[in-house]
Amino acid sequence: MEGIEYVKPGEIEARSFAIIEEELKEHGLVIPEEQKPVTKRVIHTTADFDYVKTMVYAPDAIETAKKLILQGADIVTDTNMALAGINKRALARHGGEVHCFMADEKVAALAKERGVTRATVSMEFAAQLNKPVIFAVGNAPTALIRLYEMITGGEFRPAFIIGVPVGFVNVEAAKELILKTDVPYIINRGRKGGSNVAAAICNALLYELGR
């Protein structure tokens, strides 16, 4: 069939990443070597090369995140979609689990009682986990806002924040708040992001440690 490239099933991902590398070169886009595994997997997930320009990494972010995973850190997401997309088996090999508290009945009740989002309360629940936590926020800017409040208020310090919520209301401002903290981060500036992007970043980190 015209225009169809025949690729063996086991080679599709490798071919996709080869195409990404080719197009990066064509457009003169350069990704710092240590950031390539993460940014390229985000591009692979979204087919959007804008992420080359908008992804922001704290110093030594990749190594910091990988060390946390190796030490058994848990991952907390703000959506069940992100939870479903993260390779839980790869994380479990290092002693970590993935959590999402958004569907918890207590979270829903407290959020309604206080007039806040479930994402806000979910972050508070996650802060009670008795181990280092990597937050992967792909949907709710209110999750980032609450994390910022807890950090600056001295209530809780996340081990790492992946901040890539998508949307129009408070999304950009919430991301900028996290950039003001001293918590290690991977942030995508601007409106773009999503649960699929949050999961892709987590998986890129996990796959750097082996599948």
N, C-alpha and C. Protein backbone atom coordinates (compact mmCIF):
# COMPACT_ATOMS: atom_id res chain seq x y z
N MET A 1 0.85 -1.20 0.00
CA MET A 1 0.00 0.00 0.00
C MET A 1 0.88 1.24 0.00
N GLU A 2 0.47 2.21 -0.76
CA GLU A 2 1.28 3.42 -0.92
C GLU A 2 1.44 4.16 0.39
N GLY A 3 2.66 4.56 0.69
CA GLY A 3 2.94 5.35 1.88
C GLY A 3 3.08 4.56 3.16
N ILE A 4 2.87 3.26 3.09
CA ILE A 4 2.96 2.41 4.28
C ILE A 4 4.37 1.83 4.39
N GLU A 5 4.96 2.01 5.55
CA GLU A 5 6.28 1.45 5.81
C GLU A 5 6.10 0.16 6.59
N TYR A 6 6.60 -0.93 6.07
CA TYR A 6 6.43 -2.22 6.74
C TYR A 6 7.55 -2.44 7.75
N VAL A 7 7.15 -2.54 9.01
CA VAL A 7 8.10 -2.69 10.10
C VAL A 7 7.64 -3.84 10.98
N LYS A 8 8.57 -4.70 11.39
CA LYS A 8 8.23 -5.79 12.28
C LYS A 8 7.73 -5.25 13.61
N PRO A 9 6.74 -5.91 14.24
CA PRO A 9 6.16 -5.41 15.49
C PRO A 9 7.21 -5.06 16.56
N GLY A 10 8.21 -5.90 16.70
CA GLY A 10 9.22 -5.66 17.73
C GLY A 10 10.17 -4.53 17.42
N GLU A 11 10.08 -3.99 16.20
CA GLU A 11 11.00 -2.93 15.78
C GLU A 11 10.32 -1.57 15.64
N ILE A 12 9.02 -1.53 15.90
CA ILE A 12 8.27 -0.28 15.67
C ILE A 12 8.77 0.85 16.58
N GLU A 13 8.97 0.56 17.87
CA GLU A 13 9.42 1.62 18.77
C GLU A 13 10.79 2.13 18.36
N ALA A 14 11.72 1.21 18.06
CA ALA A 14 13.06 1.62 17.66
C ALA A 14 13.01 2.47 16.39
N ARG A 15 12.15 2.10 15.45
CA ARG A 15 12.02 2.87 14.21
C ARG A 15 11.45 4.26 14.51
N SER A 16 10.50 4.33 15.44
CA SER A 16 9.92 5.62 15.82
C SER A 16 10.98 6.55 16.39
N PHE A 17 11.82 6.01 17.26
CA PHE A 17 12.86 6.84 17.86
C PHE A 17 13.91 7.25 16.83
N ALA A 18 14.15 6.39 15.85
CA ALA A 18 15.08 6.75 14.77
C ALA A 18 14.52 7.92 13.95
N ILE A 19 13.22 7.89 13.68
CA ILE A 19 12.58 8.98 12.95
C ILE A 19 12.67 10.28 13.75
N ILE A 20 12.42 10.17 15.07
CA ILE A 20 12.52 11.36 15.93
C ILE A 20 13.92 11.96 15.84
N GLU A 21 14.95 11.12 15.92
CA GLU A 21 16.33 11.59 15.85
C GLU A 21 16.61 12.26 14.50
N GLU A 22 16.09 11.66 13.42
CA GLU A 22 16.27 12.22 12.08
C GLU A 22 15.63 13.62 11.99
N GLU A 23 14.41 13.75 12.53
CA GLU A 23 13.70 15.03 12.42
C GLU A 23 14.31 16.10 13.32
N LEU A 24 14.85 15.67 14.46
CA LEU A 24 15.56 16.64 15.31
C LEU A 24 16.73 17.25 14.55
N LYS A 25 17.46 16.41 13.85
CA LYS A 25 18.61 16.90 13.07
C LYS A 25 18.16 17.79 11.93
N GLU A 26 17.09 17.38 11.24
CA GLU A 26 16.56 18.17 10.12
C GLU A 26 16.20 19.59 10.53
N HIS A 27 15.63 19.72 11.74
CA HIS A 27 15.17 21.03 12.22
C HIS A 27 16.20 21.74 13.09
N GLY A 28 17.37 21.14 13.21
CA GLY A 28 18.43 21.78 14.00
C GLY A 28 18.12 21.87 15.48
N LEU A 29 17.34 20.91 15.98
CA LEU A 29 16.95 20.90 17.39
C LEU A 29 17.92 20.02 18.18
N VAL A 30 18.45 20.59 19.25
CA VAL A 30 19.44 19.87 20.05
C VAL A 30 18.91 19.67 21.47
N ILE A 31 18.93 18.43 21.93
CA ILE A 31 18.53 18.11 23.30
C ILE A 31 19.79 17.74 24.07
N PRO A 32 20.03 18.34 25.24
CA PRO A 32 21.18 17.92 26.05
C PRO A 32 21.19 16.41 26.23
N GLU A 33 22.36 15.81 26.15
CA GLU A 33 22.47 14.35 26.12
C GLU A 33 21.75 13.68 27.27
N GLU A 34 21.91 14.20 28.51
CA GLU A 34 21.31 13.54 29.67
C GLU A 34 19.78 13.65 29.67
N GLN A 35 19.23 14.62 28.92
CA GLN A 35 17.78 14.81 28.88
C GLN A 35 17.11 14.05 27.72
N LYS A 36 17.92 13.55 26.81
CA LYS A 36 17.38 12.91 25.60
C LYS A 36 16.39 11.78 25.89
N PRO A 37 16.70 10.84 26.79
CA PRO A 37 15.77 9.72 26.98
C PRO A 37 14.36 10.17 27.38
N VAL A 38 14.29 11.22 28.19
CA VAL A 38 12.99 11.70 28.66
C VAL A 38 12.28 12.52 27.59
N THR A 39 12.97 13.52 27.07
CA THR A 39 12.33 14.40 26.08
C THR A 39 11.93 13.63 24.83
N LYS A 40 12.77 12.72 24.38
CA LYS A 40 12.44 11.94 23.18
C LYS A 40 11.25 11.01 23.43
N ARG A 41 11.11 10.47 24.63
CA ARG A 41 9.95 9.62 24.91
C ARG A 41 8.68 10.47 24.97
N VAL A 42 8.78 11.69 25.45
CA VAL A 42 7.62 12.59 25.43
C VAL A 42 7.22 12.90 23.99
N ILE A 43 8.21 13.15 23.14
CA ILE A 43 7.92 13.40 21.73
C ILE A 43 7.30 12.15 21.10
N HIS A 44 7.82 10.99 21.45
CA HIS A 44 7.29 9.73 20.94
C HIS A 44 5.82 9.56 21.33
N THR A 45 5.47 10.00 22.53
CA THR A 45 4.10 9.87 23.04
C THR A 45 3.15 10.86 22.40
N THR A 46 3.66 12.06 22.08
CA THR A 46 2.79 13.15 21.62
C THR A 46 2.95 13.51 20.15
N ALA A 47 4.05 13.08 19.51
CA ALA A 47 4.39 13.51 18.15
C ALA A 47 4.52 15.03 18.06
N ASP A 48 4.95 15.64 19.15
CA ASP A 48 5.04 17.10 19.25
C ASP A 48 6.47 17.50 19.59
N PHE A 49 7.14 18.14 18.63
CA PHE A 49 8.54 18.53 18.83
C PHE A 49 8.68 19.83 19.62
N ASP A 50 7.57 20.49 19.94
CA ASP A 50 7.65 21.70 20.78
C ASP A 50 8.25 21.39 22.15
N TYR A 51 8.12 20.15 22.59
CA TYR A 51 8.63 19.79 23.91
C TYR A 51 10.15 19.96 24.02
N VAL A 52 10.84 19.96 22.90
CA VAL A 52 12.28 20.22 22.93
C VAL A 52 12.56 21.59 23.54
N LYS A 53 11.69 22.54 23.26
CA LYS A 53 11.89 23.92 23.70
C LYS A 53 11.25 24.22 25.05
N THR A 54 10.25 23.44 25.44
CA THR A 54 9.50 23.80 26.64
C THR A 54 9.81 22.96 27.88
N MET A 55 10.44 21.81 27.70
CA MET A 55 10.78 20.97 28.86
C MET A 55 11.91 21.64 29.64
N VAL A 56 11.73 21.71 30.98
CA VAL A 56 12.71 22.34 31.85
C VAL A 56 13.11 21.33 32.93
N TYR A 57 14.41 21.21 33.13
CA TYR A 57 14.94 20.22 34.07
C TYR A 57 15.76 20.92 35.16
N ALA A 58 15.54 20.55 36.40
CA ALA A 58 16.41 21.01 37.48
C ALA A 58 17.81 20.43 37.26
N PRO A 59 18.83 21.05 37.81
CA PRO A 59 20.18 20.49 37.67
C PRO A 59 20.21 19.03 38.16
N ASP A 60 20.81 18.17 37.37
CA ASP A 60 20.95 16.74 37.71
C ASP A 60 19.60 16.05 37.94
N ALA A 61 18.55 16.56 37.29
CA ALA A 61 17.21 16.02 37.52
C ALA A 61 17.11 14.53 37.18
N ILE A 62 17.67 14.14 36.06
CA ILE A 62 17.55 12.74 35.63
C ILE A 62 18.23 11.81 36.62
N GLU A 63 19.46 12.14 37.00
CA GLU A 63 20.19 11.29 37.94
C GLU A 63 19.52 11.26 39.30
N THR A 64 18.99 12.40 39.73
CA THR A 64 18.30 12.46 41.01
C THR A 64 17.08 11.56 41.01
N ALA A 65 16.28 11.63 39.95
CA ALA A 65 15.07 10.81 39.86
C ALA A 65 15.41 9.33 39.81
N LYS A 66 16.44 8.98 39.05
CA LYS A 66 16.82 7.57 38.96
C LYS A 66 17.31 7.03 40.30
N LYS A 67 18.05 7.84 41.03
CA LYS A 67 18.53 7.41 42.36
C LYS A 67 17.35 7.18 43.30
N LEU A 68 16.35 8.06 43.22
CA LEU A 68 15.16 7.90 44.06
C LEU A 68 14.44 6.59 43.73
N ILE A 69 14.32 6.28 42.45
CA ILE A 69 13.67 5.04 42.05
C ILE A 69 14.46 3.83 42.57
N LEU A 70 15.76 3.89 42.43
CA LEU A 70 16.61 2.79 42.91
C LEU A 70 16.51 2.60 44.42
N GLN A 71 16.20 3.70 45.12
CA GLN A 71 16.07 3.64 46.57
C GLN A 71 14.66 3.23 47.01
N GLY A 72 13.78 2.94 46.03
CA GLY A 72 12.44 2.44 46.36
C GLY A 72 11.37 3.50 46.50
N ALA A 73 11.60 4.69 45.94
CA ALA A 73 10.60 5.76 46.02
C ALA A 73 9.29 5.33 45.36
N ASP A 74 8.18 5.83 45.89
CA ASP A 74 6.87 5.63 45.28
C ASP A 74 6.58 6.76 44.31
N ILE A 75 5.64 6.54 43.40
CA ILE A 75 5.16 7.57 42.48
C ILE A 75 3.70 7.83 42.78
N VAL A 76 3.33 9.10 42.86
CA VAL A 76 1.93 9.49 43.06
C VAL A 76 1.48 10.30 41.86
N THR A 77 0.37 9.89 41.26
CA THR A 77 -0.18 10.61 40.11
C THR A 77 -1.46 11.34 40.51
N ASP A 78 -1.88 12.25 39.64
CA ASP A 78 -3.14 12.97 39.90
C ASP A 78 -4.27 12.46 39.03
N THR A 79 -4.02 11.37 38.28
CA THR A 79 -5.10 10.75 37.50
C THR A 79 -4.89 9.24 37.45
N ASN A 80 -5.99 8.52 37.34
CA ASN A 80 -5.91 7.07 37.17
C ASN A 80 -5.36 6.72 35.79
N MET A 81 -5.50 7.64 34.83
CA MET A 81 -4.94 7.40 33.50
C MET A 81 -3.41 7.33 33.56
N ALA A 82 -2.81 8.26 34.28
CA ALA A 82 -1.35 8.24 34.43
C ALA A 82 -0.92 6.99 35.19
N LEU A 83 -1.67 6.67 36.24
CA LEU A 83 -1.37 5.46 37.02
C LEU A 83 -1.37 4.23 36.11
N ALA A 84 -2.38 4.14 35.22
CA ALA A 84 -2.48 2.99 34.32
C ALA A 84 -1.32 2.95 33.34
N GLY A 85 -0.80 4.11 32.97
CA GLY A 85 0.23 4.16 31.94
C GLY A 85 1.65 3.92 32.42
N ILE A 86 1.87 4.01 33.72
CA ILE A 86 3.21 3.83 34.26
C ILE A 86 3.53 2.34 34.40
N ASN A 87 4.73 1.97 34.04
CA ASN A 87 5.14 0.57 34.11
C ASN A 87 5.37 0.18 35.57
N LYS A 88 4.34 -0.36 36.18
CA LYS A 88 4.39 -0.69 37.60
C LYS A 88 5.34 -1.86 37.91
N ARG A 89 5.45 -2.76 36.96
CA ARG A 89 6.35 -3.90 37.16
C ARG A 89 7.81 -3.41 37.24
N ALA A 90 8.16 -2.48 36.36
CA ALA A 90 9.53 -1.94 36.36
C ALA A 90 9.82 -1.20 37.67
N LEU A 91 8.82 -0.45 38.16
CA LEU A 91 9.00 0.28 39.41
C LEU A 91 9.10 -0.67 40.59
N ALA A 92 8.28 -1.72 40.59
CA ALA A 92 8.25 -2.68 41.69
C ALA A 92 9.58 -3.40 41.86
N ARG A 93 10.33 -3.55 40.76
CA ARG A 93 11.64 -4.21 40.85
C ARG A 93 12.58 -3.47 41.79
N HIS A 94 12.31 -2.19 41.98
CA HIS A 94 13.16 -1.38 42.86
C HIS A 94 12.48 -1.07 44.19
N GLY A 95 11.32 -1.69 44.43
CA GLY A 95 10.64 -1.53 45.70
C GLY A 95 9.61 -0.42 45.75
N GLY A 96 9.29 0.17 44.60
CA GLY A 96 8.33 1.27 44.58
C GLY A 96 6.95 0.86 44.12
N GLU A 97 5.96 1.69 44.46
CA GLU A 97 4.57 1.49 44.02
C GLU A 97 4.05 2.79 43.42
N VAL A 98 3.00 2.66 42.60
CA VAL A 98 2.33 3.83 42.05
C VAL A 98 0.99 4.00 42.76
N HIS A 99 0.69 5.23 43.16
CA HIS A 99 -0.57 5.52 43.85
C HIS A 99 -1.33 6.63 43.14
N CYS A 100 -2.65 6.55 43.20
CA CYS A 100 -3.52 7.65 42.82
C CYS A 100 -4.68 7.66 43.80
N PHE A 101 -4.85 8.77 44.49
CA PHE A 101 -5.88 8.86 45.53
C PHE A 101 -7.15 9.56 45.05
N MET A 102 -7.22 9.86 43.76
CA MET A 102 -8.33 10.65 43.24
C MET A 102 -9.69 9.98 43.41
N ALA A 103 -9.72 8.65 43.37
CA ALA A 103 -11.00 7.94 43.48
C ALA A 103 -11.32 7.52 44.91
N ASP A 104 -10.47 7.89 45.85
CA ASP A 104 -10.69 7.53 47.25
C ASP A 104 -11.91 8.27 47.78
N GLU A 105 -12.83 7.56 48.41
CA GLU A 105 -14.06 8.17 48.91
C GLU A 105 -13.78 9.25 49.96
N LYS A 106 -12.76 9.04 50.78
CA LYS A 106 -12.42 10.04 51.80
C LYS A 106 -11.91 11.32 51.15
N VAL A 107 -11.15 11.17 50.08
CA VAL A 107 -10.65 12.33 49.35
C VAL A 107 -11.83 13.12 48.78
N ALA A 108 -12.76 12.41 48.15
CA ALA A 108 -13.92 13.07 47.55
C ALA A 108 -14.75 13.80 48.60
N ALA A 109 -14.95 13.16 49.76
CA ALA A 109 -15.76 13.77 50.83
C ALA A 109 -15.08 15.01 51.39
N LEU A 110 -13.78 14.93 51.64
CA LEU A 110 -13.05 16.07 52.18
C LEU A 110 -13.02 17.23 51.19
N ALA A 111 -12.84 16.91 49.92
CA ALA A 111 -12.80 17.95 48.90
C ALA A 111 -14.13 18.69 48.82
N LYS A 112 -15.22 17.94 48.89
CA LYS A 112 -16.56 18.56 48.85
C LYS A 112 -16.80 19.41 50.09
N GLU A 113 -16.39 18.90 51.23
CA GLU A 113 -16.59 19.61 52.50
C GLU A 113 -15.82 20.93 52.52
N ARG A 114 -14.63 20.92 51.98
CA ARG A 114 -13.76 22.12 52.02
C ARG A 114 -13.92 23.02 50.80
N GLY A 115 -14.61 22.53 49.77
CA GLY A 115 -14.79 23.33 48.56
C GLY A 115 -13.52 23.45 47.74
N VAL A 116 -12.72 22.37 47.72
CA VAL A 116 -11.49 22.36 46.94
C VAL A 116 -11.52 21.16 45.98
N THR A 117 -10.54 21.08 45.13
CA THR A 117 -10.50 19.96 44.18
C THR A 117 -10.00 18.68 44.87
N ARG A 118 -10.38 17.56 44.30
CA ARG A 118 -9.88 16.28 44.81
C ARG A 118 -8.36 16.19 44.67
N ALA A 119 -7.83 16.84 43.63
CA ALA A 119 -6.38 16.83 43.44
C ALA A 119 -5.66 17.49 44.61
N THR A 120 -6.26 18.55 45.14
CA THR A 120 -5.68 19.24 46.30
C THR A 120 -5.59 18.29 47.48
N VAL A 121 -6.68 17.61 47.78
CA VAL A 121 -6.71 16.69 48.92
C VAL A 121 -5.83 15.48 48.66
N SER A 122 -5.78 15.04 47.41
CA SER A 122 -4.95 13.89 47.06
C SER A 122 -3.48 14.14 47.40
N MET A 123 -3.02 15.36 47.16
CA MET A 123 -1.63 15.68 47.48
C MET A 123 -1.38 15.59 48.99
N GLU A 124 -2.38 15.97 49.76
CA GLU A 124 -2.26 15.88 51.22
C GLU A 124 -2.21 14.43 51.69
N PHE A 125 -3.00 13.59 51.04
CA PHE A 125 -2.97 12.15 51.36
C PHE A 125 -1.61 11.57 51.00
N ALA A 126 -1.09 11.96 49.85
CA ALA A 126 0.21 11.45 49.40
C ALA A 126 1.33 11.85 50.35
N ALA A 127 1.19 13.03 50.95
CA ALA A 127 2.21 13.51 51.88
C ALA A 127 2.32 12.64 53.12
N GLN A 128 1.32 11.80 53.34
CA GLN A 128 1.34 10.92 54.51
C GLN A 128 2.04 9.59 54.25
N LEU A 129 2.44 9.34 53.01
CA LEU A 129 3.19 8.12 52.71
C LEU A 129 4.53 8.19 53.43
N ASN A 130 4.89 7.12 54.06
CA ASN A 130 6.10 7.13 54.89
C ASN A 130 7.33 6.72 54.10
N LYS A 131 7.54 7.40 52.95
CA LYS A 131 8.72 7.12 52.13
C LYS A 131 8.88 8.23 51.10
N PRO A 132 10.02 8.32 50.44
CA PRO A 132 10.18 9.35 49.40
C PRO A 132 9.14 9.20 48.30
N VAL A 133 8.63 10.33 47.82
CA VAL A 133 7.57 10.30 46.80
C VAL A 133 7.95 11.17 45.60
N ILE A 134 7.81 10.58 44.41
CA ILE A 134 7.92 11.32 43.16
C ILE A 134 6.50 11.64 42.71
N PHE A 135 6.18 12.91 42.57
CA PHE A 135 4.84 13.31 42.13
C PHE A 135 4.84 13.47 40.61
N ALA A 136 3.88 12.84 39.95
CA ALA A 136 3.73 12.94 38.50
C ALA A 136 2.37 13.56 38.20
N VAL A 137 2.36 14.86 38.02
CA VAL A 137 1.11 15.62 37.85
C VAL A 137 0.92 15.96 36.37
N GLY A 138 -0.13 15.40 35.77
CA GLY A 138 -0.36 15.63 34.35
C GLY A 138 -1.68 16.28 34.02
N ASN A 139 -2.48 16.56 35.04
CA ASN A 139 -3.82 17.07 34.75
C ASN A 139 -4.22 18.29 35.58
N ALA A 140 -3.94 18.26 36.87
CA ALA A 140 -4.52 19.26 37.78
C ALA A 140 -3.50 20.27 38.28
N PRO A 141 -3.60 21.52 37.83
CA PRO A 141 -2.71 22.54 38.38
C PRO A 141 -2.90 22.74 39.88
N THR A 142 -4.11 22.45 40.38
CA THR A 142 -4.34 22.61 41.82
C THR A 142 -3.46 21.65 42.63
N ALA A 143 -3.07 20.53 42.02
CA ALA A 143 -2.15 19.62 42.70
C ALA A 143 -0.80 20.29 42.90
N LEU A 144 -0.31 20.96 41.86
CA LEU A 144 0.98 21.66 41.97
C LEU A 144 0.89 22.82 42.95
N ILE A 145 -0.24 23.52 42.91
CA ILE A 145 -0.42 24.66 43.83
C ILE A 145 -0.38 24.19 45.28
N ARG A 146 -1.06 23.07 45.56
CA ARG A 146 -1.06 22.55 46.94
C ARG A 146 0.33 22.07 47.35
N LEU A 147 1.04 21.43 46.43
CA LEU A 147 2.41 21.02 46.74
C LEU A 147 3.27 22.23 47.06
N TYR A 148 3.12 23.29 46.27
CA TYR A 148 3.88 24.51 46.52
C TYR A 148 3.56 25.07 47.91
N GLU A 149 2.29 25.08 48.26
CA GLU A 149 1.89 25.59 49.58
C GLU A 149 2.50 24.76 50.70
N MET A 150 2.50 23.45 50.53
CA MET A 150 3.06 22.58 51.57
C MET A 150 4.57 22.74 51.67
N ILE A 151 5.22 22.93 50.52
CA ILE A 151 6.68 23.12 50.52
C ILE A 151 7.04 24.42 51.22
N THR A 152 6.42 25.52 50.80
CA THR A 152 6.77 26.83 51.35
C THR A 152 6.29 27.01 52.78
N GLY A 153 5.27 26.24 53.15
CA GLY A 153 4.77 26.31 54.53
C GLY A 153 5.52 25.38 55.47
N GLY A 154 6.47 24.62 54.94
CA GLY A 154 7.26 23.72 55.78
C GLY A 154 6.50 22.48 56.23
N GLU A 155 5.37 22.18 55.58
CA GLU A 155 4.57 21.01 55.97
C GLU A 155 5.12 19.72 55.39
N PHE A 156 5.65 19.80 54.19
CA PHE A 156 6.04 18.59 53.46
C PHE A 156 6.96 18.96 52.32
N ARG A 157 7.95 18.08 52.07
CA ARG A 157 8.85 18.32 50.95
C ARG A 157 8.86 17.08 50.06
N PRO A 158 8.29 17.17 48.87
CA PRO A 158 8.33 16.04 47.94
C PRO A 158 9.78 15.72 47.58
N ALA A 159 10.03 14.47 47.23
CA ALA A 159 11.37 14.10 46.79
C ALA A 159 11.64 14.62 45.38
N PHE A 160 10.58 14.67 44.56
CA PHE A 160 10.74 15.07 43.16
C PHE A 160 9.36 15.42 42.61
N ILE A 161 9.31 16.39 41.69
CA ILE A 161 8.03 16.75 41.07
C ILE A 161 8.16 16.73 39.55
N ILE A 162 7.28 15.95 38.92
CA ILE A 162 7.10 15.99 37.47
C ILE A 162 5.82 16.80 37.26
N GLY A 163 5.95 18.00 36.75
CA GLY A 163 4.80 18.90 36.63
C GLY A 163 4.47 19.18 35.17
N VAL A 164 3.49 18.45 34.65
CA VAL A 164 3.13 18.62 33.24
C VAL A 164 1.61 18.68 33.03
N PRO A 165 0.88 19.40 33.90
CA PRO A 165 -0.58 19.48 33.66
C PRO A 165 -0.88 20.20 32.36
N VAL A 166 -2.01 19.84 31.76
CA VAL A 166 -2.42 20.43 30.49
C VAL A 166 -3.66 21.28 30.72
N GLY A 167 -3.81 22.34 29.94
CA GLY A 167 -5.05 23.12 30.06
C GLY A 167 -4.83 24.62 29.97
N PHE A 168 -5.83 25.37 30.47
CA PHE A 168 -5.86 26.81 30.28
C PHE A 168 -5.97 27.60 31.57
N VAL A 169 -6.55 27.00 32.62
CA VAL A 169 -6.79 27.74 33.86
C VAL A 169 -5.70 27.42 34.88
N ASN A 170 -4.89 28.39 35.20
CA ASN A 170 -3.83 28.29 36.23
C ASN A 170 -2.70 27.31 35.90
N VAL A 171 -2.74 26.74 34.71
CA VAL A 171 -1.75 25.72 34.35
C VAL A 171 -0.34 26.30 34.31
N GLU A 172 -0.16 27.38 33.56
CA GLU A 172 1.18 27.95 33.41
C GLU A 172 1.70 28.51 34.73
N ALA A 173 0.83 29.20 35.46
CA ALA A 173 1.25 29.80 36.74
C ALA A 173 1.62 28.74 37.76
N ALA A 174 0.88 27.64 37.79
CA ALA A 174 1.16 26.56 38.75
C ALA A 174 2.53 25.94 38.47
N LYS A 175 2.85 25.75 37.21
CA LYS A 175 4.16 25.20 36.85
C LYS A 175 5.28 26.15 37.29
N GLU A 176 5.07 27.44 37.09
CA GLU A 176 6.09 28.42 37.47
C GLU A 176 6.33 28.43 38.98
N LEU A 177 5.29 28.14 39.76
CA LEU A 177 5.46 28.08 41.22
C LEU A 177 6.48 27.01 41.60
N ILE A 178 6.37 25.84 40.97
CA ILE A 178 7.29 24.75 41.30
C ILE A 178 8.72 25.11 40.93
N LEU A 179 8.89 25.87 39.85
CA LEU A 179 10.22 26.28 39.44
C LEU A 179 10.89 27.20 40.46
N LYS A 180 10.09 27.80 41.34
CA LYS A 180 10.64 28.69 42.37
C LYS A 180 11.13 27.93 43.60
N THR A 181 10.80 26.66 43.70
CA THR A 181 11.18 25.88 44.88
C THR A 181 12.56 25.25 44.69
N ASP A 182 13.05 24.63 45.77
CA ASP A 182 14.33 23.92 45.67
C ASP A 182 14.13 22.41 45.51
N VAL A 183 12.91 22.01 45.21
CA VAL A 183 12.62 20.59 45.00
C VAL A 183 13.03 20.21 43.57
N PRO A 184 13.73 19.09 43.38
CA PRO A 184 14.10 18.66 42.03
C PRO A 184 12.86 18.46 41.17
N TYR A 185 12.95 18.83 39.89
CA TYR A 185 11.75 18.82 39.05
C TYR A 185 12.07 18.52 37.58
N ILE A 186 11.03 18.08 36.89
CA ILE A 186 10.95 18.11 35.44
C ILE A 186 9.61 18.78 35.15
N ILE A 187 9.66 19.92 34.48
CA ILE A 187 8.46 20.71 34.22
C ILE A 187 8.35 20.97 32.72
N ASN A 188 7.13 20.96 32.21
CA ASN A 188 6.93 21.44 30.85
C ASN A 188 6.22 22.79 30.92
N ARG A 189 6.95 23.83 30.54
CA ARG A 189 6.37 25.17 30.58
C ARG A 189 5.27 25.31 29.52
N GLY A 190 4.32 26.16 29.83
CA GLY A 190 3.24 26.41 28.88
C GLY A 190 2.01 25.57 29.17
N ARG A 191 1.11 25.52 28.20
CA ARG A 191 -0.19 24.86 28.39
C ARG A 191 -0.17 23.37 28.12
N LYS A 192 0.82 22.90 27.41
CA LYS A 192 0.83 21.50 26.98
C LYS A 192 1.25 20.55 28.10
N GLY A 193 0.82 19.30 27.96
CA GLY A 193 1.16 18.27 28.94
C GLY A 193 0.09 17.20 28.90
N GLY A 194 -0.21 16.62 30.04
CA GLY A 194 -1.26 15.61 30.11
C GLY A 194 -0.80 14.37 30.88
N SER A 195 -1.77 13.54 31.21
CA SER A 195 -1.48 12.30 31.93
C SER A 195 -0.57 11.39 31.14
N ASN A 196 -0.75 11.37 29.81
CA ASN A 196 0.12 10.53 28.98
C ASN A 196 1.57 11.01 29.02
N VAL A 197 1.75 12.31 29.12
CA VAL A 197 3.10 12.88 29.20
C VAL A 197 3.73 12.56 30.56
N ALA A 198 2.94 12.69 31.62
CA ALA A 198 3.44 12.37 32.96
C ALA A 198 3.89 10.91 33.02
N ALA A 199 3.07 10.01 32.46
CA ALA A 199 3.42 8.59 32.45
C ALA A 199 4.65 8.34 31.59
N ALA A 200 4.75 9.02 30.46
CA ALA A 200 5.89 8.84 29.57
C ALA A 200 7.20 9.23 30.25
N ILE A 201 7.17 10.31 31.02
CA ILE A 201 8.37 10.75 31.73
C ILE A 201 8.77 9.71 32.77
N CYS A 202 7.80 9.21 33.52
CA CYS A 202 8.10 8.18 34.51
C CYS A 202 8.68 6.94 33.85
N ASN A 203 8.10 6.53 32.75
CA ASN A 203 8.58 5.34 32.06
C ASN A 203 9.96 5.53 31.47
N ALA A 204 10.23 6.72 30.97
CA ALA A 204 11.57 7.00 30.43
C ALA A 204 12.61 6.84 31.52
N LEU A 205 12.32 7.33 32.71
CA LEU A 205 13.24 7.18 33.85
C LEU A 205 13.42 5.72 34.22
N LEU A 206 12.30 4.99 34.26
CA LEU A 206 12.35 3.57 34.60
C LEU A 206 13.13 2.77 33.57
N TYR A 207 12.91 3.07 32.29
CA TYR A 207 13.58 2.31 31.24
C TYR A 207 15.08 2.60 31.18
N GLU A 208 15.48 3.77 31.69
CA GLU A 208 16.90 4.06 31.79
C GLU A 208 17.59 3.10 32.78
N LEU A 209 16.79 2.56 33.68
CA LEU A 209 17.32 1.63 34.69
C LEU A 209 17.15 0.18 34.25
N GLY A 210 16.61 -0.03 33.04
CA GLY A 210 16.45 -1.37 32.51
C GLY A 210 15.01 -1.82 32.49
N ARG A 211 14.66 -2.66 31.55
CA ARG A 211 13.30 -3.16 31.41
C ARG A 211 13.22 -4.59 31.93
